[in-house]
């Protein structure tokens, strides 16, 4: 039984190309032609992506900032100033003992919870 060769057949057209020369060089020095370029791309990428990530977080910090108490009370309202004493007396003036509980109207086919 014949034994096949472990070397692949390369035609004469492939012999002078850059890829053929690179294959031969990589077989002799794998770290220099594969490992070193790979590690340099990883390191260069980290140096390039660090400022890009910083820009992303700076933009996020500009959008999201901490509000003061006055700004927090004014958000979503028509700029009405809120005073705790006024709110207390307005609530105290309402009759809180005279109220009626009403059921919420259910959608058709929705379980209303009545047995």
PDB file of N, CA and C in Angstrom:
ATOM      1  N   UNK A   1       0.837  -1.173   0.000  1.00  0.00           N
ATOM      2  CA  UNK A   1       0.000   0.000   0.000  1.00  0.00           C
ATOM      3  C   UNK A   1       0.889   1.246   0.000  1.00  0.00           C
ATOM      4  N   UNK A   2       0.530   2.227  -0.778  1.00  0.00           N
ATOM      5  CA  UNK A   2       1.343   3.426  -0.927  1.00  0.00           C
ATOM      6  C   UNK A   2       1.070   4.390   0.221  1.00  0.00           C
ATOM      7  N   UNK A   3       2.105   5.080   0.624  1.00  0.00           N
ATOM      8  CA  UNK A   3       1.984   6.076   1.697  1.00  0.00           C
ATOM      9  C   UNK A   3       1.942   7.453   1.047  1.00  0.00           C
ATOM     10  N   UNK A   4       0.953   8.269   1.473  1.00  0.00           N
ATOM     11  CA  UNK A   4       0.838   9.613   0.910  1.00  0.00           C
ATOM     12  C   UNK A   4       1.840  10.554   1.574  1.00  0.00           C
ATOM     13  N   UNK A   5       2.316  11.481   0.812  1.00  0.00           N
ATOM     14  CA  UNK A   5       3.266  12.447   1.361  1.00  0.00           C
ATOM     15  C   UNK A   5       2.533  13.446   2.249  1.00  0.00           C
ATOM     16  N   UNK A   6       3.216  13.928   3.282  1.00  0.00           N
ATOM     17  CA  UNK A   6       2.608  14.907   4.186  1.00  0.00           C
ATOM     18  C   UNK A   6       2.658  16.319   3.607  1.00  0.00           C
ATOM     19  N   UNK A   7       3.514  16.544   2.626  1.00  0.00           N
ATOM     20  CA  UNK A   7       3.608  17.865   2.013  1.00  0.00           C
ATOM     21  C   UNK A   7       2.523  18.009   0.955  1.00  0.00           C
ATOM     22  N   UNK A   8       1.903  19.168   0.918  1.00  0.00           N
ATOM     23  CA  UNK A   8       0.892  19.424  -0.098  1.00  0.00           C
ATOM     24  C   UNK A   8       1.586  19.845  -1.387  1.00  0.00           C
ATOM     25  N   UNK A   9       0.955  19.520  -2.480  1.00  0.00           N
ATOM     26  CA  UNK A   9       1.509  19.898  -3.780  1.00  0.00           C
ATOM     27  C   UNK A   9       1.217  21.366  -4.058  1.00  0.00           C
ATOM     28  N   UNK A  10       2.220  22.122  -4.331  1.00  0.00           N
ATOM     29  CA  UNK A  10       2.089  23.519  -4.699  1.00  0.00           C
ATOM     30  C   UNK A  10       2.547  23.653  -6.151  1.00  0.00           C
ATOM     31  N   UNK A  11       1.708  24.230  -6.952  1.00  0.00           N
ATOM     32  CA  UNK A  11       2.056  24.396  -8.362  1.00  0.00           C
ATOM     33  C   UNK A  11       3.109  25.471  -8.542  1.00  0.00           C
ATOM     34  N   UNK A  12       3.663  25.552  -9.750  1.00  0.00           N
ATOM     35  CA  UNK A  12       4.701  26.535 -10.041  1.00  0.00           C
ATOM     36  C   UNK A  12       4.140  27.955 -10.048  1.00  0.00           C
ATOM     37  N   UNK A  13       2.824  28.105 -10.286  1.00  0.00           N
ATOM     38  CA  UNK A  13       2.218  29.441 -10.280  1.00  0.00           C
ATOM     39  C   UNK A  13       2.183  30.007  -8.860  1.00  0.00           C
ATOM     40  N   UNK A  14       2.077  29.127  -7.861  1.00  0.00           N
ATOM     41  CA  UNK A  14       2.041  29.566  -6.460  1.00  0.00           C
ATOM     42  C   UNK A  14       3.423  29.860  -5.893  1.00  0.00           C
ATOM     43  N   UNK A  15       4.454  29.360  -6.493  1.00  0.00           N
ATOM     44  CA  UNK A  15       5.790  29.413  -5.909  1.00  0.00           C
ATOM     45  C   UNK A  15       6.301  30.824  -5.684  1.00  0.00           C
ATOM     46  N   UNK A  16       6.007  31.756  -6.554  1.00  0.00           N
ATOM     47  CA  UNK A  16       6.578  33.092  -6.434  1.00  0.00           C
ATOM     48  C   UNK A  16       5.678  34.104  -5.744  1.00  0.00           C
ATOM     49  N   UNK A  17       4.518  33.707  -5.252  1.00  0.00           N
ATOM     50  CA  UNK A  17       3.585  34.664  -4.659  1.00  0.00           C
ATOM     51  C   UNK A  17       3.973  34.994  -3.219  1.00  0.00           C
ATOM     52  N   UNK A  18       3.405  36.087  -2.738  1.00  0.00           N
ATOM     53  CA  UNK A  18       3.652  36.521  -1.361  1.00  0.00           C
ATOM     54  C   UNK A  18       3.128  35.492  -0.369  1.00  0.00           C
ATOM     55  N   UNK A  19       1.958  34.917  -0.667  1.00  0.00           N
ATOM     56  CA  UNK A  19       1.350  33.941   0.233  1.00  0.00           C
ATOM     57  C   UNK A  19       2.241  32.707   0.391  1.00  0.00           C
ATOM     58  N   UNK A  20       2.833  32.243  -0.691  1.00  0.00           N
ATOM     59  CA  UNK A  20       3.713  31.071  -0.621  1.00  0.00           C
ATOM     60  C   UNK A  20       4.953  31.377   0.213  1.00  0.00           C
ATOM     61  N   UNK A  21       5.538  32.538  -0.014  1.00  0.00           N
ATOM     62  CA  UNK A  21       6.715  32.931   0.766  1.00  0.00           C
ATOM     63  C   UNK A  21       6.367  33.085   2.245  1.00  0.00           C
ATOM     64  N   UNK A  22       5.175  33.644   2.517  1.00  0.00           N
ATOM     65  CA  UNK A  22       4.735  33.833   3.906  1.00  0.00           C
ATOM     66  C   UNK A  22       4.524  32.486   4.585  1.00  0.00           C
ATOM     67  N   UNK A  23       3.936  31.510   3.878  1.00  0.00           N
ATOM     68  CA  UNK A  23       3.733  30.173   4.435  1.00  0.00           C
ATOM     69  C   UNK A  23       5.060  29.528   4.832  1.00  0.00           C
ATOM     70  N   UNK A  24       6.045  29.669   3.987  1.00  0.00           N
ATOM     71  CA  UNK A  24       7.365  29.080   4.266  1.00  0.00           C
ATOM     72  C   UNK A  24       7.996  29.762   5.472  1.00  0.00           C
ATOM     73  N   UNK A  25       7.922  31.091   5.510  1.00  0.00           N
ATOM     74  CA  UNK A  25       8.517  31.840   6.626  1.00  0.00           C
ATOM     75  C   UNK A  25       7.787  31.539   7.937  1.00  0.00           C
ATOM     76  N   UNK A  26       6.477  31.377   7.865  1.00  0.00           N
ATOM     77  CA  UNK A  26       5.704  31.101   9.076  1.00  0.00           C
ATOM     78  C   UNK A  26       5.983  29.700   9.595  1.00  0.00           C
ATOM     79  N   UNK A  27       6.262  28.775   8.711  1.00  0.00           N
ATOM     80  CA  UNK A  27       6.610  27.423   9.149  1.00  0.00           C
ATOM     81  C   UNK A  27       7.947  27.429   9.896  1.00  0.00           C
ATOM     82  N   UNK A  28       8.849  28.313   9.497  1.00  0.00           N
ATOM     83  CA  UNK A  28      10.161  28.386  10.147  1.00  0.00           C
ATOM     84  C   UNK A  28      10.111  29.190  11.443  1.00  0.00           C
ATOM     85  N   UNK A  29       9.384  30.329  11.437  1.00  0.00           N
ATOM     86  CA  UNK A  29       9.335  31.236  12.594  1.00  0.00           C
ATOM     87  C   UNK A  29       7.872  31.593  12.907  1.00  0.00           C
ATOM     88  N   UNK A  30       7.132  30.706  13.571  1.00  0.00           N
ATOM     89  CA  UNK A  30       5.697  30.964  13.777  1.00  0.00           C
ATOM     90  C   UNK A  30       5.409  32.161  14.701  1.00  0.00           C
ATOM     91  N   UNK A  31       6.221  32.353  15.745  1.00  0.00           N
ATOM     92  CA  UNK A  31       5.942  33.485  16.644  1.00  0.00           C
ATOM     93  C   UNK A  31       6.177  34.812  15.938  1.00  0.00           C
ATOM     94  N   UNK A  32       7.249  34.913  15.193  1.00  0.00           N
ATOM     95  CA  UNK A  32       7.598  36.175  14.545  1.00  0.00           C
ATOM     96  C   UNK A  32       6.583  36.579  13.472  1.00  0.00           C
ATOM     97  N   UNK A  33       6.023  35.618  12.759  1.00  0.00           N
ATOM     98  CA  UNK A  33       5.114  35.936  11.656  1.00  0.00           C
ATOM     99  C   UNK A  33       3.631  35.786  12.001  1.00  0.00           C
ATOM    100  N   UNK A  34       3.305  35.165  13.133  1.00  0.00           N
ATOM    101  CA  UNK A  34       1.898  35.061  13.521  1.00  0.00           C
ATOM    102  C   UNK A  34       1.654  35.640  14.920  1.00  0.00           C
ATOM    103  N   UNK A  35       2.416  35.215  15.895  1.00  0.00           N
ATOM    104  CA  UNK A  35       2.201  35.634  17.285  1.00  0.00           C
ATOM    105  C   UNK A  35       2.468  37.108  17.521  1.00  0.00           C
ATOM    106  N   UNK A  36       3.565  37.604  17.016  1.00  0.00           N
ATOM    107  CA  UNK A  36       3.928  39.009  17.219  1.00  0.00           C
ATOM    108  C   UNK A  36       2.940  39.967  16.556  1.00  0.00           C
ATOM    109  N   UNK A  37       2.538  39.748  15.295  1.00  0.00           N
ATOM    110  CA  UNK A  37       1.519  40.637  14.718  1.00  0.00           C
ATOM    111  C   UNK A  37       0.178  40.562  15.459  1.00  0.00           C
ATOM    112  N   UNK A  38      -0.202  39.373  15.906  1.00  0.00           N
ATOM    113  CA  UNK A  38      -1.452  39.207  16.642  1.00  0.00           C
ATOM    114  C   UNK A  38      -1.414  39.996  17.957  1.00  0.00           C
ATOM    115  N   UNK A  39      -0.339  39.852  18.715  1.00  0.00           N
ATOM    116  CA  UNK A  39      -0.223  40.570  19.994  1.00  0.00           C
ATOM    117  C   UNK A  39      -0.141  42.074  19.772  1.00  0.00           C
ATOM    118  N   UNK A  40       0.533  42.521  18.730  1.00  0.00           N
ATOM    119  CA  UNK A  40       0.641  43.959  18.472  1.00  0.00           C
ATOM    120  C   UNK A  40      -0.723  44.549  18.088  1.00  0.00           C
ATOM    121  N   UNK A  41      -1.544  43.795  17.354  1.00  0.00           N
ATOM    122  CA  UNK A  41      -2.890  44.275  17.014  1.00  0.00           C
ATOM    123  C   UNK A  41      -3.737  44.391  18.271  1.00  0.00           C
ATOM    124  N   UNK A  42      -3.640  43.435  19.179  1.00  0.00           N
ATOM    125  CA  UNK A  42      -4.400  43.480  20.436  1.00  0.00           C
ATOM    126  C   UNK A  42      -3.987  44.694  21.263  1.00  0.00           C
ATOM    127  N   UNK A  43      -2.699  44.919  21.404  1.00  0.00           N
ATOM    128  CA  UNK A  43      -2.209  46.054  22.209  1.00  0.00           C
ATOM    129  C   UNK A  43      -2.568  47.382  21.553  1.00  0.00           C
ATOM    130  N   UNK A  44      -2.382  47.497  20.250  1.00  0.00           N
ATOM    131  CA  UNK A  44      -2.739  48.738  19.549  1.00  0.00           C
ATOM    132  C   UNK A  44      -4.242  48.998  19.649  1.00  0.00           C
ATOM    133  N   UNK A  45      -5.035  47.950  19.562  1.00  0.00           N
ATOM    134  CA  UNK A  45      -6.486  48.100  19.697  1.00  0.00           C
ATOM    135  C   UNK A  45      -6.884  48.625  21.054  1.00  0.00           C
ATOM    136  N   UNK A  46      -6.201  48.178  22.108  1.00  0.00           N
ATOM    137  CA  UNK A  46      -6.535  48.687  23.445  1.00  0.00           C
ATOM    138  C   UNK A  46      -6.198  50.173  23.565  1.00  0.00           C
ATOM    139  N   UNK A  47      -5.085  50.605  22.939  1.00  0.00           N
ATOM    140  CA  UNK A  47      -4.741  52.024  22.979  1.00  0.00           C
ATOM    141  C   UNK A  47      -5.710  52.873  22.156  1.00  0.00           C
ATOM    142  N   UNK A  48      -6.226  52.319  21.086  1.00  0.00           N
ATOM    143  CA  UNK A  48      -7.171  53.053  20.242  1.00  0.00           C
ATOM    144  C   UNK A  48      -8.549  53.096  20.876  1.00  0.00           C
ATOM    145  N   UNK A  49      -8.981  52.001  21.495  1.00  0.00           N
ATOM    146  CA  UNK A  49     -10.330  51.929  22.058  1.00  0.00           C
ATOM    147  C   UNK A  49     -10.470  52.631  23.406  1.00  0.00           C
ATOM    148  N   UNK A  50      -9.382  52.869  24.115  1.00  0.00           N
ATOM    149  CA  UNK A  50      -9.471  53.543  25.414  1.00  0.00           C
ATOM    150  C   UNK A  50     -10.039  54.956  25.284  1.00  0.00           C
ATOM    151  N   UNK A  51      -9.547  55.816  24.386  1.00  0.00           N
ATOM    152  CA  UNK A  51     -10.155  57.143  24.248  1.00  0.00           C
ATOM    153  C   UNK A  51     -11.601  57.086  23.740  1.00  0.00           C
ATOM    154  N   UNK A  52     -11.893  56.121  22.873  1.00  0.00           N
ATOM    155  CA  UNK A  52     -13.263  55.998  22.369  1.00  0.00           C
ATOM    156  C   UNK A  52     -14.223  55.654  23.505  1.00  0.00           C
ATOM    157  N   UNK A  53     -13.803  54.784  24.401  1.00  0.00           N
ATOM    158  CA  UNK A  53     -14.638  54.424  25.542  1.00  0.00           C
ATOM    159  C   UNK A  53     -14.789  55.612  26.482  1.00  0.00           C
ATOM    160  N   UNK A  54     -13.717  56.374  26.674  1.00  0.00           N
ATOM    161  CA  UNK A  54     -13.796  57.553  27.534  1.00  0.00           C
ATOM    162  C   UNK A  54     -14.787  58.569  26.981  1.00  0.00           C
ATOM    163  N   UNK A  55     -14.785  58.760  25.671  1.00  0.00           N
ATOM    164  CA  UNK A  55     -15.736  59.686  25.040  1.00  0.00           C
ATOM    165  C   UNK A  55     -17.156  59.210  25.278  1.00  0.00           C
ATOM    166  N   UNK A  56     -17.372  57.911  25.181  1.00  0.00           N
ATOM    167  CA  UNK A  56     -18.717  57.350  25.400  1.00  0.00           C
ATOM    168  C   UNK A  56     -19.210  57.661  26.815  1.00  0.00           C
ATOM    169  N   UNK A  57     -18.359  57.420  27.811  1.00  0.00           N
ATOM    170  CA  UNK A  57     -18.781  57.654  29.187  1.00  0.00           C
ATOM    171  C   UNK A  57     -18.920  59.142  29.502  1.00  0.00           C
ATOM    172  N   UNK A  58     -18.087  59.984  28.900  1.00  0.00           N
ATOM    173  CA  UNK A  58     -18.233  61.429  29.106  1.00  0.00           C
ATOM    174  C   UNK A  58     -19.553  61.929  28.537  1.00  0.00           C
ATOM    175  N   UNK A  59     -19.936  61.432  27.386  1.00  0.00           N
ATOM    176  CA  UNK A  59     -21.219  61.815  26.782  1.00  0.00           C
ATOM    177  C   UNK A  59     -22.381  61.353  27.663  1.00  0.00           C
ATOM    178  N   UNK A  60     -22.257  60.163  28.206  1.00  0.00           N
ATOM    179  CA  UNK A  60     -23.304  59.655  29.106  1.00  0.00           C
ATOM    180  C   UNK A  60     -23.393  60.514  30.372  1.00  0.00           C
ATOM    181  N   UNK A  61     -22.259  60.929  30.904  1.00  0.00           N
ATOM    182  CA  UNK A  61     -22.253  61.767  32.109  1.00  0.00           C
ATOM    183  C   UNK A  61     -22.858  63.142  31.842  1.00  0.00           C
ATOM    184  N   UNK A  62     -22.703  63.646  30.620  1.00  0.00           N
ATOM    185  CA  UNK A  62     -23.324  64.935  30.299  1.00  0.00           C
ATOM    186  C   UNK A  62     -24.842  64.815  30.269  1.00  0.00           C
ATOM    187  N   UNK A  63     -25.349  63.682  29.779  1.00  0.00           N
ATOM    188  CA  UNK A  63     -26.795  63.488  29.705  1.00  0.00           C
ATOM    189  C   UNK A  63     -27.395  63.235  31.085  1.00  0.00           C
ATOM    190  N   UNK A  64     -26.733  62.411  31.871  1.00  0.00           N
ATOM    191  CA  UNK A  64     -27.246  62.025  33.178  1.00  0.00           C
ATOM    192  C   UNK A  64     -26.462  62.778  34.239  1.00  0.00           C
ATOM    193  N   UNK A  65     -27.126  63.669  34.919  1.00  0.00           N
ATOM    194  CA  UNK A  65     -26.452  64.407  35.982  1.00  0.00           C
ATOM    195  C   UNK A  65     -27.370  64.473  37.189  1.00  0.00           C
ATOM    196  N   UNK A  66     -26.803  64.784  38.328  1.00  0.00           N
ATOM    197  CA  UNK A  66     -27.581  64.813  39.560  1.00  0.00           C
ATOM    198  C   UNK A  66     -28.326  66.145  39.660  1.00  0.00           C
ATOM    199  N   UNK A  67     -29.622  66.053  39.957  1.00  0.00           N
ATOM    200  CA  UNK A  67     -30.449  67.248  40.067  1.00  0.00           C
ATOM    201  C   UNK A  67     -30.446  67.757  41.494  1.00  0.00           C
ATOM    202  N   UNK A  68     -30.558  69.073  41.643  1.00  0.00           N
ATOM    203  CA  UNK A  68     -30.724  69.630  42.973  1.00  0.00           C
ATOM    204  C   UNK A  68     -32.160  69.388  43.418  1.00  0.00           C
ATOM    205  N   UNK A  69     -32.453  69.649  44.672  1.00  0.00           N
ATOM    206  CA  UNK A  69     -33.792  69.398  45.200  1.00  0.00           C
ATOM    207  C   UNK A  69     -34.832  70.289  44.498  1.00  0.00           C
ATOM    208  N   UNK A  70     -34.499  71.542  44.234  1.00  0.00           N
ATOM    209  CA  UNK A  70     -35.438  72.450  43.563  1.00  0.00           C
ATOM    210  C   UNK A  70     -35.707  71.997  42.127  1.00  0.00           C
ATOM    211  N   UNK A  71     -34.660  71.558  41.413  1.00  0.00           N
ATOM    212  CA  UNK A  71     -34.858  71.075  40.052  1.00  0.00           C
ATOM    213  C   UNK A  71     -35.691  69.800  40.038  1.00  0.00           C
ATOM    214  N   UNK A  72     -35.466  68.958  41.029  1.00  0.00           N
ATOM    215  CA  UNK A  72     -36.186  67.693  41.109  1.00  0.00           C
ATOM    216  C   UNK A  72     -37.685  67.926  41.312  1.00  0.00           C
ATOM    217  N   UNK A  73     -38.030  68.899  42.112  1.00  0.00           N
ATOM    218  CA  UNK A  73     -39.443  69.188  42.346  1.00  0.00           C
ATOM    219  C   UNK A  73     -40.082  69.857  41.137  1.00  0.00           C
ATOM    220  N   UNK A  74     -39.283  70.524  40.308  1.00  0.00           N
ATOM    221  CA  UNK A  74     -39.831  71.229  39.157  1.00  0.00           C
ATOM    222  C   UNK A  74     -39.938  70.380  37.904  1.00  0.00           C
ATOM    223  N   UNK A  75     -39.363  69.170  37.921  1.00  0.00           N
ATOM    224  CA  UNK A  75     -39.389  68.320  36.737  1.00  0.00           C
ATOM    225  C   UNK A  75     -40.800  67.806  36.512  1.00  0.00           C
ATOM    226  N   UNK A  76     -41.306  67.956  35.289  1.00  0.00           N
ATOM    227  CA  UNK A  76     -42.615  67.439  34.924  1.00  0.00           C
ATOM    228  C   UNK A  76     -43.760  68.346  35.319  1.00  0.00           C
ATOM    229  N   UNK A  77     -43.474  69.445  35.914  1.00  0.00           N
ATOM    230  CA  UNK A  77     -44.526  70.385  36.299  1.00  0.00           C
ATOM    231  C   UNK A  77     -44.312  71.682  35.536  1.00  0.00           C
ATOM    232  N   UNK A  78     -45.255  72.565  35.619  1.00  0.00           N
ATOM    233  CA  UNK A  78     -45.171  73.822  34.871  1.00  0.00           C
ATOM    234  C   UNK A  78     -44.355  74.871  35.635  1.00  0.00           C
ATOM    235  N   UNK A  79     -43.341  74.454  36.319  1.00  0.00           N
ATOM    236  CA  UNK A  79     -42.469  75.383  37.005  1.00  0.00           C
ATOM    237  C   UNK A  79     -43.061  75.944  38.292  1.00  0.00           C
ATOM    238  N   UNK A  80     -44.060  75.276  38.830  1.00  0.00           N
ATOM    239  CA  UNK A  80     -44.691  75.747  40.064  1.00  0.00           C
ATOM    240  C   UNK A  80     -43.764  75.452  41.231  1.00  0.00           C
ATOM    241  N   UNK A  81     -43.494  76.457  42.055  1.00  0.00           N
ATOM    242  CA  UNK A  81     -42.676  76.268  43.240  1.00  0.00           C
ATOM    243  C   UNK A  81     -43.476  75.492  44.274  1.00  0.00           C
ATOM    244  N   UNK A  82     -42.846  74.556  44.922  1.00  0.00           N
ATOM    245  CA  UNK A  82     -43.516  73.727  45.918  1.00  0.00           C
ATOM    246  C   UNK A  82     -43.020  74.129  47.287  1.00  0.00           C
ATOM    247  N   UNK A  83     -43.980  74.378  48.155  1.00  0.00           N
ATOM    248  CA  UNK A  83     -43.668  74.694  49.537  1.00  0.00           C
ATOM    249  C   UNK A  83     -44.366  73.649  50.398  1.00  0.00           C
ATOM    250  N   UNK A  84     -43.627  73.023  51.286  1.00  0.00           N
ATOM    251  CA  UNK A  84     -44.175  71.935  52.090  1.00  0.00           C
ATOM    252  C   UNK A  84     -45.328  72.411  52.970  1.00  0.00           C
ATOM    253  N   UNK A  85     -45.228  73.606  53.543  1.00  0.00           N
ATOM    254  CA  UNK A  85     -46.306  74.106  54.420  1.00  0.00           C
ATOM    255  C   UNK A  85     -47.586  74.347  53.623  1.00  0.00           C
ATOM    256  N   UNK A  86     -47.459  74.920  52.431  1.00  0.00           N
ATOM    257  CA  UNK A  86     -48.649  75.137  51.601  1.00  0.00           C
ATOM    258  C   UNK A  86     -49.305  73.817  51.218  1.00  0.00           C
ATOM    259  N   UNK A  87     -48.504  72.825  50.883  1.00  0.00           N
ATOM    260  CA  UNK A  87     -49.045  71.515  50.519  1.00  0.00           C
ATOM    261  C   UNK A  87     -49.754  70.876  51.703  1.00  0.00           C
ATOM    262  N   UNK A  88     -49.205  71.030  52.885  1.00  0.00           N
ATOM    263  CA  UNK A  88     -49.831  70.450  54.075  1.00  0.00           C
ATOM    264  C   UNK A  88     -51.191  71.083  54.333  1.00  0.00           C
ATOM    265  N   UNK A  89     -51.257  72.407  54.281  1.00  0.00           N
ATOM    266  CA  UNK A  89     -52.534  73.079  54.567  1.00  0.00           C
ATOM    267  C   UNK A  89     -53.557  72.842  53.454  1.00  0.00           C
ATOM    268  N   UNK A  90     -53.110  72.691  52.202  1.00  0.00           N
ATOM    269  CA  UNK A  90     -54.050  72.397  51.124  1.00  0.00           C
ATOM    270  C   UNK A  90     -54.641  70.999  51.303  1.00  0.00           C
ATOM    271  N   UNK A  91     -53.822  70.037  51.740  1.00  0.00           N
ATOM    272  CA  UNK A  91     -54.300  68.690  51.984  1.00  0.00           C
ATOM    273  C   UNK A  91     -55.204  68.655  53.210  1.00  0.00           C
ATOM    274  N   UNK A  92     -54.874  69.428  54.217  1.00  0.00           N
ATOM    275  CA  UNK A  92     -55.691  69.453  55.440  1.00  0.00           C
ATOM    276  C   UNK A  92     -57.052  70.101  55.176  1.00  0.00           C
ATOM    277  N   UNK A  93     -57.150  70.998  54.198  1.00  0.00           N
ATOM    278  CA  UNK A  93     -58.411  71.669  53.895  1.00  0.00           C
ATOM    279  C   UNK A  93     -59.390  70.728  53.197  1.00  0.00           C
ATOM    280  N   UNK A  94     -58.910  69.681  52.550  1.00  0.00           N
ATOM    281  CA  UNK A  94     -59.799  68.730  51.887  1.00  0.00           C
ATOM    282  C   UNK A  94     -60.476  67.851  52.930  1.00  0.00           C
ATOM    283  N   UNK A  95     -61.674  67.421  52.597  1.00  0.00           N
ATOM    284  CA  UNK A  95     -62.404  66.542  53.498  1.00  0.00           C
ATOM    285  C   UNK A  95     -62.004  65.103  53.166  1.00  0.00           C
ATOM    286  N   UNK A  96     -61.109  64.531  53.955  1.00  0.00           N
ATOM    287  CA  UNK A  96     -60.584  63.206  53.668  1.00  0.00           C
ATOM    288  C   UNK A  96     -61.484  62.089  54.191  1.00  0.00           C
ATOM    289  N   UNK A  97     -62.484  62.438  55.008  1.00  0.00           N
ATOM    290  CA  UNK A  97     -63.363  61.410  55.552  1.00  0.00           C
ATOM    291  C   UNK A  97     -64.540  61.101  54.628  1.00  0.00           C
ATOM    292  N   UNK A  98     -64.819  61.979  53.675  1.00  0.00           N
ATOM    293  CA  UNK A  98     -65.973  61.798  52.798  1.00  0.00           C
ATOM    294  C   UNK A  98     -65.493  61.354  51.420  1.00  0.00           C
ATOM    295  N   UNK A  99     -65.351  60.037  51.252  1.00  0.00           N
ATOM    296  CA  UNK A  99     -64.936  59.503  49.973  1.00  0.00           C
ATOM    297  C   UNK A  99     -65.658  58.192  49.728  1.00  0.00           C
ATOM    298  N   UNK A 100     -65.658  57.780  48.477  1.00  0.00           N
ATOM    299  CA  UNK A 100     -66.364  56.566  48.099  1.00  0.00           C
ATOM    300  C   UNK A 100     -65.446  55.704  47.251  1.00  0.00           C
ATOM    301  N   UNK A 101     -65.434  54.412  47.547  1.00  0.00           N
ATOM    302  CA  UNK A 101     -64.590  53.491  46.788  1.00  0.00           C
ATOM    303  C   UNK A 101     -65.339  53.071  45.529  1.00  0.00           C
ATOM    304  N   UNK A 102     -64.671  53.165  44.372  1.00  0.00           N
ATOM    305  CA  UNK A 102     -65.291  52.796  43.105  1.00  0.00           C
ATOM    306  C   UNK A 102     -64.437  51.740  42.428  1.00  0.00           C
ATOM    307  N   UNK A 103     -65.101  50.764  41.812  1.00  0.00           N
ATOM    308  CA  UNK A 103     -64.380  49.729  41.073  1.00  0.00           C
ATOM    309  C   UNK A 103     -63.908  50.268  39.721  1.00  0.00           C
ATOM    310  N   UNK A 104     -62.789  49.788  39.287  1.00  0.00           N
ATOM    311  CA  UNK A 104     -62.265  50.157  37.982  1.00  0.00           C
ATOM    312  C   UNK A 104     -62.965  49.296  36.937  1.00  0.00           C
ATOM    313  N   UNK A 105     -63.395  49.921  35.843  1.00  0.00           N
ATOM    314  CA  UNK A 105     -64.078  49.182  34.788  1.00  0.00           C
ATOM    315  C   UNK A 105     -63.075  48.261  34.104  1.00  0.00           C
ATOM    316  N   UNK A 106     -63.445  46.995  33.978  1.00  0.00           N
ATOM    317  CA  UNK A 106     -62.575  45.977  33.391  1.00  0.00           C
ATOM    318  C   UNK A 106     -62.775  45.919  31.880  1.00  0.00           C
ATOM    319  N   UNK A 107     -61.759  45.450  31.187  1.00  0.00           N
ATOM    320  CA  UNK A 107     -61.853  45.247  29.753  1.00  0.00           C
ATOM    321  C   UNK A 107     -62.725  44.034  29.475  1.00  0.00           C
ATOM    322  N   UNK A 108     -63.342  43.946  28.298  1.00  0.00           N
ATOM    323  CA  UNK A 108     -64.176  42.792  27.975  1.00  0.00           C
ATOM    324  C   UNK A 108     -63.349  41.503  28.007  1.00  0.00           C
ATOM    325  N   UNK A 109     -63.869  40.487  28.718  1.00  0.00           N
ATOM    326  CA  UNK A 109     -63.190  39.203  28.811  1.00  0.00           C
ATOM    327  C   UNK A 109     -62.156  39.131  29.907  1.00  0.00           C
ATOM    328  N   UNK A 110     -61.891  40.222  30.589  1.00  0.00           N
ATOM    329  CA  UNK A 110     -60.904  40.235  31.662  1.00  0.00           C
ATOM    330  C   UNK A 110     -61.554  39.793  32.963  1.00  0.00           C
ATOM    331  N   UNK A 111     -60.854  39.013  33.752  1.00  0.00           N
ATOM    332  CA  UNK A 111     -61.386  38.525  35.018  1.00  0.00           C
ATOM    333  C   UNK A 111     -61.514  39.701  35.983  1.00  0.00           C
ATOM    334  N   UNK A 112     -62.706  39.870  36.544  1.00  0.00           N
ATOM    335  CA  UNK A 112     -62.919  41.010  37.433  1.00  0.00           C
ATOM    336  C   UNK A 112     -62.668  40.665  38.902  1.00  0.00           C
ATOM    337  N   UNK A 113     -62.385  39.403  39.210  1.00  0.00           N
ATOM    338  CA  UNK A 113     -62.059  39.024  40.582  1.00  0.00           C
ATOM    339  C   UNK A 113     -63.256  38.749  41.458  1.00  0.00           C
ATOM    340  N   UNK A 114     -64.440  38.789  40.902  1.00  0.00           N
ATOM    341  CA  UNK A 114     -65.640  38.471  41.684  1.00  0.00           C
ATOM    342  C   UNK A 114     -65.941  37.003  41.521  1.00  0.00           C
ATOM    343  N   UNK A 115     -66.143  36.317  42.640  1.00  0.00           N
ATOM    344  CA  UNK A 115     -66.409  34.876  42.604  1.00  0.00           C
ATOM    345  C   UNK A 115     -67.869  34.582  42.342  1.00  0.00           C
TER     346      UNK A 115
END
